[in-house]
Amino acid sequence: MTREELQMMLSEIGGSEPERQGEIAATVLGEFDTVTSRMTDGVPDGATDWREAYNNLRRDYVNRFMGVSSVPGDIQPPNESKSDMVDDGGPVSIADLFKNK
């Protein structure tokens, strides 16, 4: 349904007989259902719409890229005193990594 068709139907509603008003309402609601189903066709399981599917995918991507679990509470801050990185056989502090040599 085009915008002009919808506008014409809505302008006709006021002066129409009750039977015609019902037809117009059914047509508009049918068009709404069609548009809604097109917007949700193919949405991945667990998401109600494409926006939620995108947000879920983005969250999973960031979590996988950052190497953390999907639960934000599991994120641990870096150890400021010593890291797992070694320099000359021993642990190195994060500050030492960025010092000018």
N, C-alpha and C. Protein backbone atom coordinates (compact mmCIF):
# COMPACT_ATOMS: atom_id res chain seq x y z
N MET A 1 0.85 -1.17 0.00
CA MET A 1 0.00 0.00 0.00
C MET A 1 0.91 1.24 0.00
N THR A 2 0.58 2.15 -0.87
CA THR A 2 1.35 3.39 -0.94
C THR A 2 0.82 4.39 0.08
N ARG A 3 1.58 5.45 0.28
CA ARG A 3 1.17 6.50 1.21
C ARG A 3 -0.13 7.16 0.74
N GLU A 4 -0.26 7.36 -0.57
CA GLU A 4 -1.45 8.01 -1.12
C GLU A 4 -2.69 7.14 -0.90
N GLU A 5 -2.53 5.83 -1.09
CA GLU A 5 -3.66 4.92 -0.87
C GLU A 5 -4.09 4.94 0.59
N LEU A 6 -3.14 4.93 1.48
CA LEU A 6 -3.45 4.97 2.91
C LEU A 6 -4.13 6.29 3.27
N GLN A 7 -3.62 7.39 2.74
CA GLN A 7 -4.20 8.70 3.01
C GLN A 7 -5.64 8.76 2.51
N MET A 8 -5.88 8.21 1.32
CA MET A 8 -7.22 8.22 0.75
C MET A 8 -8.18 7.38 1.62
N MET A 9 -7.72 6.22 2.06
CA MET A 9 -8.57 5.36 2.89
C MET A 9 -8.89 6.02 4.22
N LEU A 10 -7.91 6.65 4.82
CA LEU A 10 -8.13 7.29 6.12
C LEU A 10 -9.05 8.50 5.99
N SER A 11 -8.94 9.24 4.88
CA SER A 11 -9.83 10.39 4.70
C SER A 11 -11.27 9.93 4.42
N GLU A 12 -11.42 8.74 3.88
CA GLU A 12 -12.74 8.20 3.56
C GLU A 12 -13.46 7.65 4.79
N ILE A 13 -12.72 7.32 5.82
CA ILE A 13 -13.29 6.64 7.00
C ILE A 13 -14.41 7.44 7.66
N GLY A 14 -14.24 8.74 7.81
CA GLY A 14 -15.20 9.56 8.55
C GLY A 14 -16.59 9.57 7.96
N GLY A 15 -16.72 9.63 6.64
CA GLY A 15 -18.04 9.74 6.01
C GLY A 15 -18.58 8.42 5.50
N SER A 16 -17.92 7.33 5.80
CA SER A 16 -18.33 6.02 5.28
C SER A 16 -19.33 5.33 6.20
N GLU A 17 -20.02 4.35 5.62
CA GLU A 17 -20.92 3.51 6.39
C GLU A 17 -20.08 2.60 7.30
N PRO A 18 -20.64 2.12 8.39
CA PRO A 18 -19.90 1.27 9.32
C PRO A 18 -19.26 0.05 8.65
N GLU A 19 -19.94 -0.53 7.68
CA GLU A 19 -19.39 -1.69 6.98
C GLU A 19 -18.10 -1.33 6.25
N ARG A 20 -18.10 -0.20 5.56
CA ARG A 20 -16.92 0.27 4.83
C ARG A 20 -15.81 0.65 5.80
N GLN A 21 -16.16 1.24 6.94
CA GLN A 21 -15.16 1.58 7.95
C GLN A 21 -14.45 0.32 8.44
N GLY A 22 -15.19 -0.76 8.61
CA GLY A 22 -14.59 -2.04 9.01
C GLY A 22 -13.64 -2.58 7.96
N GLU A 23 -14.03 -2.44 6.68
CA GLU A 23 -13.16 -2.88 5.59
C GLU A 23 -11.86 -2.09 5.58
N ILE A 24 -11.96 -0.78 5.74
CA ILE A 24 -10.77 0.08 5.75
C ILE A 24 -9.87 -0.30 6.91
N ALA A 25 -10.47 -0.47 8.10
CA ALA A 25 -9.66 -0.84 9.28
C ALA A 25 -8.97 -2.18 9.05
N ALA A 26 -9.67 -3.15 8.48
CA ALA A 26 -9.09 -4.48 8.22
C ALA A 26 -7.95 -4.37 7.21
N THR A 27 -8.11 -3.53 6.19
CA THR A 27 -7.06 -3.36 5.19
C THR A 27 -5.82 -2.73 5.81
N VAL A 28 -6.01 -1.69 6.61
CA VAL A 28 -4.88 -1.02 7.25
C VAL A 28 -4.17 -1.98 8.20
N LEU A 29 -4.92 -2.72 9.01
CA LEU A 29 -4.31 -3.68 9.94
C LEU A 29 -3.59 -4.81 9.20
N GLY A 30 -4.17 -5.27 8.09
CA GLY A 30 -3.51 -6.29 7.27
C GLY A 30 -2.19 -5.80 6.71
N GLU A 31 -2.18 -4.55 6.27
CA GLU A 31 -0.93 -3.96 5.74
C GLU A 31 0.10 -3.83 6.86
N PHE A 32 -0.35 -3.44 8.04
CA PHE A 32 0.56 -3.33 9.20
C PHE A 32 1.18 -4.69 9.51
N ASP A 33 0.36 -5.74 9.51
CA ASP A 33 0.87 -7.09 9.78
C ASP A 33 1.88 -7.52 8.73
N THR A 34 1.63 -7.18 7.48
CA THR A 34 2.56 -7.52 6.40
C THR A 34 3.91 -6.83 6.60
N VAL A 35 3.87 -5.55 6.91
CA VAL A 35 5.10 -4.79 7.13
C VAL A 35 5.86 -5.33 8.34
N THR A 36 5.14 -5.62 9.41
CA THR A 36 5.76 -6.14 10.62
C THR A 36 6.43 -7.49 10.36
N SER A 37 5.77 -8.36 9.63
CA SER A 37 6.36 -9.67 9.35
C SER A 37 7.58 -9.54 8.45
N ARG A 38 7.57 -8.60 7.52
CA ARG A 38 8.75 -8.38 6.67
C ARG A 38 9.94 -7.87 7.48
N MET A 39 9.65 -7.08 8.51
CA MET A 39 10.73 -6.54 9.34
C MET A 39 11.33 -7.60 10.24
N THR A 40 10.57 -8.64 10.57
CA THR A 40 11.08 -9.66 11.48
C THR A 40 11.45 -10.95 10.77
N ASP A 41 11.21 -11.08 9.47
CA ASP A 41 11.61 -12.29 8.75
C ASP A 41 13.13 -12.42 8.78
N GLY A 42 13.60 -13.59 9.12
CA GLY A 42 15.02 -13.86 9.11
C GLY A 42 15.78 -13.39 10.33
N VAL A 43 15.10 -12.83 11.32
CA VAL A 43 15.78 -12.39 12.54
C VAL A 43 16.30 -13.63 13.26
N PRO A 44 17.56 -13.63 13.67
CA PRO A 44 18.11 -14.81 14.36
C PRO A 44 17.31 -15.17 15.61
N ASP A 45 17.35 -16.44 15.95
CA ASP A 45 16.65 -16.91 17.15
C ASP A 45 17.13 -16.16 18.38
N GLY A 46 16.21 -15.88 19.27
CA GLY A 46 16.55 -15.19 20.51
C GLY A 46 16.45 -13.68 20.43
N ALA A 47 16.16 -13.13 19.25
CA ALA A 47 16.03 -11.68 19.08
C ALA A 47 14.62 -11.38 18.58
N THR A 48 14.09 -10.26 19.05
CA THR A 48 12.73 -9.90 18.63
C THR A 48 12.72 -9.05 17.37
N ASP A 49 13.82 -8.34 17.08
CA ASP A 49 13.91 -7.53 15.87
C ASP A 49 15.37 -7.43 15.45
N TRP A 50 15.61 -6.76 14.32
CA TRP A 50 16.98 -6.66 13.78
C TRP A 50 17.89 -5.84 14.67
N ARG A 51 17.34 -4.81 15.34
CA ARG A 51 18.17 -3.99 16.22
C ARG A 51 18.73 -4.84 17.37
N GLU A 52 17.87 -5.65 17.97
CA GLU A 52 18.32 -6.52 19.07
C GLU A 52 19.31 -7.57 18.54
N ALA A 53 19.06 -8.11 17.36
CA ALA A 53 19.98 -9.09 16.77
C ALA A 53 21.35 -8.46 16.54
N TYR A 54 21.37 -7.22 16.02
CA TYR A 54 22.63 -6.52 15.80
C TYR A 54 23.36 -6.28 17.12
N ASN A 55 22.63 -5.82 18.14
CA ASN A 55 23.25 -5.56 19.44
C ASN A 55 23.82 -6.84 20.04
N ASN A 56 23.11 -7.96 19.91
CA ASN A 56 23.61 -9.23 20.41
C ASN A 56 24.88 -9.66 19.67
N LEU A 57 24.86 -9.51 18.35
CA LEU A 57 26.02 -9.87 17.55
C LEU A 57 27.22 -8.99 17.89
N ARG A 58 26.99 -7.71 18.04
CA ARG A 58 28.07 -6.77 18.38
C ARG A 58 28.66 -7.12 19.75
N ARG A 59 27.78 -7.39 20.73
CA ARG A 59 28.26 -7.75 22.07
C ARG A 59 29.10 -9.01 22.01
N ASP A 60 28.62 -10.04 21.28
CA ASP A 60 29.38 -11.29 21.16
C ASP A 60 30.72 -11.06 20.48
N TYR A 61 30.74 -10.22 19.43
CA TYR A 61 31.98 -9.93 18.72
C TYR A 61 32.98 -9.23 19.64
N VAL A 62 32.53 -8.22 20.35
CA VAL A 62 33.43 -7.49 21.25
C VAL A 62 33.95 -8.41 22.34
N ASN A 63 33.08 -9.22 22.92
CA ASN A 63 33.51 -10.13 23.96
C ASN A 63 34.52 -11.14 23.44
N ARG A 64 34.29 -11.66 22.24
CA ARG A 64 35.22 -12.62 21.67
C ARG A 64 36.54 -11.94 21.33
N PHE A 65 36.48 -10.74 20.77
CA PHE A 65 37.69 -10.00 20.41
C PHE A 65 38.51 -9.65 21.64
N MET A 66 37.84 -9.25 22.70
CA MET A 66 38.53 -8.85 23.93
C MET A 66 38.94 -10.06 24.77
N GLY A 67 38.46 -11.25 24.41
CA GLY A 67 38.84 -12.45 25.12
C GLY A 67 38.20 -12.57 26.49
N VAL A 68 37.01 -12.05 26.64
CA VAL A 68 36.31 -12.14 27.93
C VAL A 68 35.05 -12.96 27.74
N SER A 69 34.50 -13.44 28.84
CA SER A 69 33.26 -14.18 28.76
C SER A 69 32.11 -13.22 28.46
N SER A 70 30.96 -13.77 28.17
CA SER A 70 29.83 -12.92 27.82
C SER A 70 29.19 -12.25 29.03
N VAL A 71 29.65 -12.58 30.22
CA VAL A 71 29.10 -11.96 31.43
C VAL A 71 30.02 -10.81 31.82
N PRO A 72 29.53 -9.56 31.79
CA PRO A 72 30.40 -8.42 32.08
C PRO A 72 31.02 -8.47 33.47
N GLY A 73 30.40 -9.13 34.43
CA GLY A 73 30.96 -9.21 35.78
C GLY A 73 32.23 -10.03 35.85
N ASP A 74 32.50 -10.84 34.81
CA ASP A 74 33.70 -11.68 34.80
C ASP A 74 34.94 -10.95 34.35
N ILE A 75 34.81 -9.71 33.91
CA ILE A 75 35.96 -8.97 33.42
C ILE A 75 36.84 -8.57 34.60
N GLN A 76 38.10 -8.94 34.54
CA GLN A 76 39.04 -8.64 35.60
C GLN A 76 39.94 -7.48 35.15
N PRO A 77 40.21 -6.51 36.02
CA PRO A 77 41.11 -5.43 35.66
C PRO A 77 42.54 -5.98 35.54
N PRO A 78 43.36 -5.34 34.72
CA PRO A 78 44.74 -5.83 34.58
C PRO A 78 45.50 -5.68 35.89
N ASN A 79 46.44 -6.56 36.09
CA ASN A 79 47.30 -6.51 37.26
C ASN A 79 48.31 -5.39 37.04
N GLU A 80 48.20 -4.33 37.82
CA GLU A 80 49.06 -3.16 37.62
C GLU A 80 50.49 -3.40 38.07
N SER A 81 50.68 -4.26 39.08
CA SER A 81 52.03 -4.42 39.60
C SER A 81 52.89 -5.29 38.69
N LYS A 82 52.43 -6.45 38.32
CA LYS A 82 53.21 -7.34 37.45
C LYS A 82 52.29 -7.98 36.44
N SER A 83 52.77 -8.19 35.26
CA SER A 83 51.98 -8.84 34.22
C SER A 83 52.54 -10.23 33.96
N ASP A 84 51.88 -10.93 33.08
CA ASP A 84 52.36 -12.25 32.70
C ASP A 84 53.50 -12.16 31.69
N MET A 85 53.72 -10.97 31.16
CA MET A 85 54.78 -10.80 30.18
C MET A 85 56.13 -10.83 30.87
N VAL A 86 57.08 -11.39 30.19
CA VAL A 86 58.41 -11.50 30.80
C VAL A 86 59.43 -10.75 29.97
N ASP A 87 60.40 -10.18 30.65
CA ASP A 87 61.51 -9.51 30.00
C ASP A 87 62.77 -9.99 30.70
N ASP A 88 63.64 -10.58 29.96
CA ASP A 88 64.87 -11.15 30.53
C ASP A 88 64.56 -12.20 31.58
N GLY A 89 63.51 -12.97 31.37
CA GLY A 89 63.23 -14.08 32.25
C GLY A 89 62.35 -13.78 33.44
N GLY A 90 61.97 -12.54 33.73
CA GLY A 90 61.14 -12.25 34.89
C GLY A 90 59.92 -11.45 34.51
N PRO A 91 58.92 -11.37 35.41
CA PRO A 91 57.72 -10.59 35.11
C PRO A 91 58.03 -9.11 34.98
N VAL A 92 57.26 -8.42 34.17
CA VAL A 92 57.46 -7.00 33.91
C VAL A 92 56.19 -6.26 34.32
N SER A 93 56.34 -5.09 34.94
CA SER A 93 55.15 -4.32 35.29
C SER A 93 54.63 -3.63 34.04
N ILE A 94 53.34 -3.30 34.07
CA ILE A 94 52.72 -2.61 32.95
C ILE A 94 53.42 -1.27 32.71
N ALA A 95 53.77 -0.56 33.76
CA ALA A 95 54.44 0.74 33.62
C ALA A 95 55.78 0.58 32.93
N ASP A 96 56.50 -0.52 33.22
CA ASP A 96 57.81 -0.74 32.60
C ASP A 96 57.70 -0.95 31.09
N LEU A 97 56.56 -1.47 30.64
CA LEU A 97 56.39 -1.71 29.22
C LEU A 97 56.37 -0.42 28.41
N PHE A 98 55.91 0.68 29.03
CA PHE A 98 55.77 1.93 28.31
C PHE A 98 56.83 2.96 28.68
N LYS A 99 57.85 2.57 29.39
CA LYS A 99 58.96 3.46 29.76
C LYS A 99 59.87 3.69 28.57
N ASN A 100 60.40 4.87 28.47
CA ASN A 100 61.41 5.14 27.46
C ASN A 100 62.71 4.47 27.87
N LYS A 101 63.35 3.84 26.93
CA LYS A 101 64.61 3.16 27.26
C LYS A 101 65.77 3.96 26.74
